[in-house]
Amino acid sequence: MDKLQLTADLGFTHGKYHVGLSLVEFEEENVTIIYSPALDLSGYGYSQEEAKQSFSEALNEFFRYTNNKNTLDKVLKDLGWAIRGTKKKPKFNPPKDSDLVALNPLYNDIVNTKSYKVSREDVEFAY
């Protein structure tokens, strides 16, 4: 899989955070889908480039929306993330892929019924 080089840099003044995400790429009915099981978020397109762009837009919108609503911590916790550190310097740890396969029916279906590729990507976002 080509390096996806995804960035969700929202530019808020509180600082920027980095997290490693596993991204799953697969095809369904001639559409390329890039899916993040840790965020339960996907992007799609008729090419990998279109899917990357779609996923980047969805990722930016996810962080923009949860930041504006002040719900990022809650949403991430609901998705199984561990959040440590302080409010000013939190450390975000996504759930393990093995846990996600067991807990996430969509990811379980992808792993068990589709041909897919997984890459580990560092994503930067502002909080």
C-alpha atoms as a PDB file:
ATOM      1  CA  MET A   1       0.000   0.000   0.000  1.00  0.00           C
ATOM      2  CA  ASP A   2       1.309   3.420  -0.855  1.00  0.00           C
ATOM      3  CA  LYS A   3       1.962   5.713   2.071  1.00  0.00           C
ATOM      4  CA  LEU A   4      -1.354   7.422   2.714  1.00  0.00           C
ATOM      5  CA  GLN A   5       0.203  10.551   4.239  1.00  0.00           C
ATOM      6  CA  LEU A   6      -2.951  11.593   6.004  1.00  0.00           C
ATOM      7  CA  THR A   7      -3.076  14.759   8.034  1.00  0.00           C
ATOM      8  CA  ALA A   8      -5.843  16.164  10.161  1.00  0.00           C
ATOM      9  CA  ASP A   9      -4.114  19.345  11.243  1.00  0.00           C
ATOM     10  CA  LEU A  10      -6.853  21.680  12.351  1.00  0.00           C
ATOM     11  CA  GLY A  11      -4.655  24.495  13.605  1.00  0.00           C
ATOM     12  CA  PHE A  12      -6.233  25.132  16.984  1.00  0.00           C
ATOM     13  CA  THR A  13      -4.094  26.965  19.515  1.00  0.00           C
ATOM     14  CA  HIS A  14      -4.126  24.198  22.148  1.00  0.00           C
ATOM     15  CA  GLY A  15      -1.386  22.235  20.411  1.00  0.00           C
ATOM     16  CA  LYS A  16      -0.996  19.411  17.981  1.00  0.00           C
ATOM     17  CA  TYR A  17      -1.152  15.712  18.730  1.00  0.00           C
ATOM     18  CA  HIS A  18       0.063  12.690  16.850  1.00  0.00           C
ATOM     19  CA  VAL A  19      -1.467   9.245  16.874  1.00  0.00           C
ATOM     20  CA  GLY A  20      -0.677   6.072  14.976  1.00  0.00           C
ATOM     21  CA  LEU A  21      -3.725   4.623  13.260  1.00  0.00           C
ATOM     22  CA  SER A  22      -4.166   1.344  11.470  1.00  0.00           C
ATOM     23  CA  LEU A  23      -5.870   1.994   8.161  1.00  0.00           C
ATOM     24  CA  VAL A  24      -7.501  -0.781   6.189  1.00  0.00           C
ATOM     25  CA  GLU A  25      -7.791  -0.556   2.417  1.00  0.00           C
ATOM     26  CA  PHE A  26     -10.114  -2.834   0.498  1.00  0.00           C
ATOM     27  CA  GLU A  27     -12.300  -2.825  -2.580  1.00  0.00           C
ATOM     28  CA  GLU A  28     -16.006  -3.391  -2.842  1.00  0.00           C
ATOM     29  CA  GLU A  29     -17.859  -3.241  -6.166  1.00  0.00           C
ATOM     30  CA  ASN A  30     -14.915  -1.449  -7.854  1.00  0.00           C
ATOM     31  CA  VAL A  31     -14.760   1.219  -5.133  1.00  0.00           C
ATOM     32  CA  THR A  32     -11.633   1.634  -3.007  1.00  0.00           C
ATOM     33  CA  ILE A  33     -12.411   2.099   0.677  1.00  0.00           C
ATOM     34  CA  ILE A  34      -9.995   3.287   3.360  1.00  0.00           C
ATOM     35  CA  TYR A  35     -11.292   2.530   6.832  1.00  0.00           C
ATOM     36  CA  SER A  36     -10.000   3.380  10.296  1.00  0.00           C
ATOM     37  CA  PRO A  37     -11.412   0.838  12.745  1.00  0.00           C
ATOM     38  CA  ALA A  38     -10.128   2.881  15.711  1.00  0.00           C
ATOM     39  CA  LEU A  39     -12.255   5.862  14.643  1.00  0.00           C
ATOM     40  CA  ASP A  40     -14.969   3.883  12.815  1.00  0.00           C
ATOM     41  CA  LEU A  41     -14.405   6.293   9.936  1.00  0.00           C
ATOM     42  CA  SER A  42     -13.991   5.682   6.216  1.00  0.00           C
ATOM     43  CA  GLY A  43     -13.393   7.343   2.886  1.00  0.00           C
ATOM     44  CA  TYR A  44     -13.951   5.976  -0.576  1.00  0.00           C
ATOM     45  CA  GLY A  45     -13.365   6.602  -4.262  1.00  0.00           C
ATOM     46  CA  TYR A  46     -12.841   4.982  -7.629  1.00  0.00           C
ATOM     47  CA  SER A  47      -9.073   5.174  -7.095  1.00  0.00           C
ATOM     48  CA  GLN A  48      -6.756   5.033  -4.098  1.00  0.00           C
ATOM     49  CA  GLU A  49      -6.111   8.769  -4.528  1.00  0.00           C
ATOM     50  CA  GLU A  50      -9.837   9.569  -4.378  1.00  0.00           C
ATOM     51  CA  ALA A  51     -10.229   7.304  -1.336  1.00  0.00           C
ATOM     52  CA  LYS A  52      -7.290   9.038   0.407  1.00  0.00           C
ATOM     53  CA  GLN A  53      -8.814  12.452  -0.256  1.00  0.00           C
ATOM     54  CA  SER A  54     -12.234  11.316   0.952  1.00  0.00           C
ATOM     55  CA  PHE A  55     -10.765   9.808   4.116  1.00  0.00           C
ATOM     56  CA  SER A  56      -8.723  12.947   4.836  1.00  0.00           C
ATOM     57  CA  GLU A  57     -11.870  15.071   4.511  1.00  0.00           C
ATOM     58  CA  ALA A  58     -13.825  12.748   6.817  1.00  0.00           C
ATOM     59  CA  LEU A  59     -10.970  12.768   9.339  1.00  0.00           C
ATOM     60  CA  ASN A  60     -10.724  16.565   9.331  1.00  0.00           C
ATOM     61  CA  GLU A  61     -14.491  16.867   9.721  1.00  0.00           C
ATOM     62  CA  PHE A  62     -14.479  14.351  12.607  1.00  0.00           C
ATOM     63  CA  PHE A  63     -11.870  16.349  14.540  1.00  0.00           C
ATOM     64  CA  ARG A  64     -13.411  19.726  13.653  1.00  0.00           C
ATOM     65  CA  TYR A  65     -16.866  18.638  14.766  1.00  0.00           C
ATOM     66  CA  THR A  66     -15.810  16.918  17.991  1.00  0.00           C
ATOM     67  CA  ASN A  67     -13.556  19.845  18.885  1.00  0.00           C
ATOM     68  CA  ASN A  68     -16.327  22.391  18.247  1.00  0.00           C
ATOM     69  CA  LYS A  69     -18.778  20.340  20.321  1.00  0.00           C
ATOM     70  CA  ASN A  70     -16.089  19.681  22.960  1.00  0.00           C
ATOM     71  CA  THR A  71     -16.801  15.941  22.722  1.00  0.00           C
ATOM     72  CA  LEU A  72     -13.508  14.532  21.398  1.00  0.00           C
ATOM     73  CA  ASP A  73     -12.562  12.844  24.689  1.00  0.00           C
ATOM     74  CA  LYS A  74     -16.020  11.304  25.100  1.00  0.00           C
ATOM     75  CA  VAL A  75     -16.223  10.077  21.499  1.00  0.00           C
ATOM     76  CA  LEU A  76     -12.732   8.553  21.648  1.00  0.00           C
ATOM     77  CA  LYS A  77     -13.502   6.847  24.974  1.00  0.00           C
ATOM     78  CA  ASP A  78     -16.732   5.474  23.488  1.00  0.00           C
ATOM     79  CA  LEU A  79     -14.630   4.046  20.641  1.00  0.00           C
ATOM     80  CA  GLY A  80     -12.371   2.260  23.160  1.00  0.00           C
ATOM     81  CA  TRP A  81      -9.486   4.718  23.321  1.00  0.00           C
ATOM     82  CA  ALA A  82      -7.463   5.245  26.496  1.00  0.00           C
ATOM     83  CA  ILE A  83      -6.824   8.895  27.318  1.00  0.00           C
ATOM     84  CA  ARG A  84      -4.085   9.607  29.799  1.00  0.00           C
ATOM     85  CA  GLY A  85      -2.163  12.655  30.873  1.00  0.00           C
ATOM     86  CA  THR A  86      -3.625  16.021  31.726  1.00  0.00           C
ATOM     87  CA  LYS A  87      -6.353  18.056  30.065  1.00  0.00           C
ATOM     88  CA  LYS A  88      -3.694  20.389  28.676  1.00  0.00           C
ATOM     89  CA  LYS A  89      -1.414  17.538  27.577  1.00  0.00           C
ATOM     90  CA  PRO A  90      -3.529  14.458  26.969  1.00  0.00           C
ATOM     91  CA  LYS A  91      -2.074  11.297  25.493  1.00  0.00           C
ATOM     92  CA  PHE A  92      -4.415   9.402  23.176  1.00  0.00           C
ATOM     93  CA  ASN A  93      -3.973   5.651  22.770  1.00  0.00           C
ATOM     94  CA  PRO A  94      -6.169   3.871  20.229  1.00  0.00           C
ATOM     95  CA  PRO A  95      -7.479   0.395  21.006  1.00  0.00           C
ATOM     96  CA  LYS A  96      -5.428  -2.568  19.812  1.00  0.00           C
ATOM     97  CA  ASP A  97      -6.338  -3.977  16.420  1.00  0.00           C
ATOM     98  CA  SER A  98      -6.939  -7.399  17.962  1.00  0.00           C
ATOM     99  CA  ASP A  99      -9.522  -5.869  20.319  1.00  0.00           C
ATOM    100  CA  LEU A 100     -11.169  -3.993  17.468  1.00  0.00           C
ATOM    101  CA  VAL A 101     -11.594  -7.162  15.397  1.00  0.00           C
ATOM    102  CA  ALA A 102     -13.437  -8.730  18.322  1.00  0.00           C
ATOM    103  CA  LEU A 103     -15.565  -5.672  19.185  1.00  0.00           C
ATOM    104  CA  ASN A 104     -16.250  -4.059  15.806  1.00  0.00           C
ATOM    105  CA  PRO A 105     -18.577  -6.112  13.549  1.00  0.00           C
ATOM    106  CA  LEU A 106     -17.611  -4.169  10.400  1.00  0.00           C
ATOM    107  CA  TYR A 107     -13.889  -4.670  10.980  1.00  0.00           C
ATOM    108  CA  ASN A 108     -14.502  -8.328  11.815  1.00  0.00           C
ATOM    109  CA  ASP A 109     -16.359  -8.738   8.501  1.00  0.00           C
ATOM    110  CA  ILE A 110     -13.539  -7.053   6.566  1.00  0.00           C
ATOM    111  CA  VAL A 111     -10.895  -9.264   8.182  1.00  0.00           C
ATOM    112  CA  ASN A 112     -12.865 -12.463   7.686  1.00  0.00           C
ATOM    113  CA  THR A 113     -14.441 -11.979   4.243  1.00  0.00           C
ATOM    114  CA  LYS A 114     -12.480  -9.447   2.175  1.00  0.00           C
ATOM    115  CA  SER A 115      -9.077  -9.083   0.616  1.00  0.00           C
ATOM    116  CA  TYR A 116      -7.512  -6.099   2.377  1.00  0.00           C
ATOM    117  CA  LYS A 117      -4.259  -4.299   3.171  1.00  0.00           C
ATOM    118  CA  VAL A 118      -3.397  -2.683   6.489  1.00  0.00           C
ATOM    119  CA  SER A 119      -0.984   0.183   6.972  1.00  0.00           C
ATOM    120  CA  ARG A 120       0.014   2.019  10.104  1.00  0.00           C
ATOM    121  CA  GLU A 121      -0.146   5.781   9.611  1.00  0.00           C
ATOM    122  CA  ASP A 122       0.802   8.638  11.889  1.00  0.00           C
ATOM    123  CA  VAL A 123      -1.962  11.195  11.966  1.00  0.00           C
ATOM    124  CA  GLU A 124      -1.453  14.691  13.340  1.00  0.00           C
ATOM    125  CA  PHE A 125      -4.334  16.649  14.739  1.00  0.00           C
ATOM    126  CA  ALA A 126      -4.858  19.747  16.780  1.00  0.00           C
ATOM    127  CA  TYR A 127      -6.914  19.620  19.931  1.00  0.00           C
END
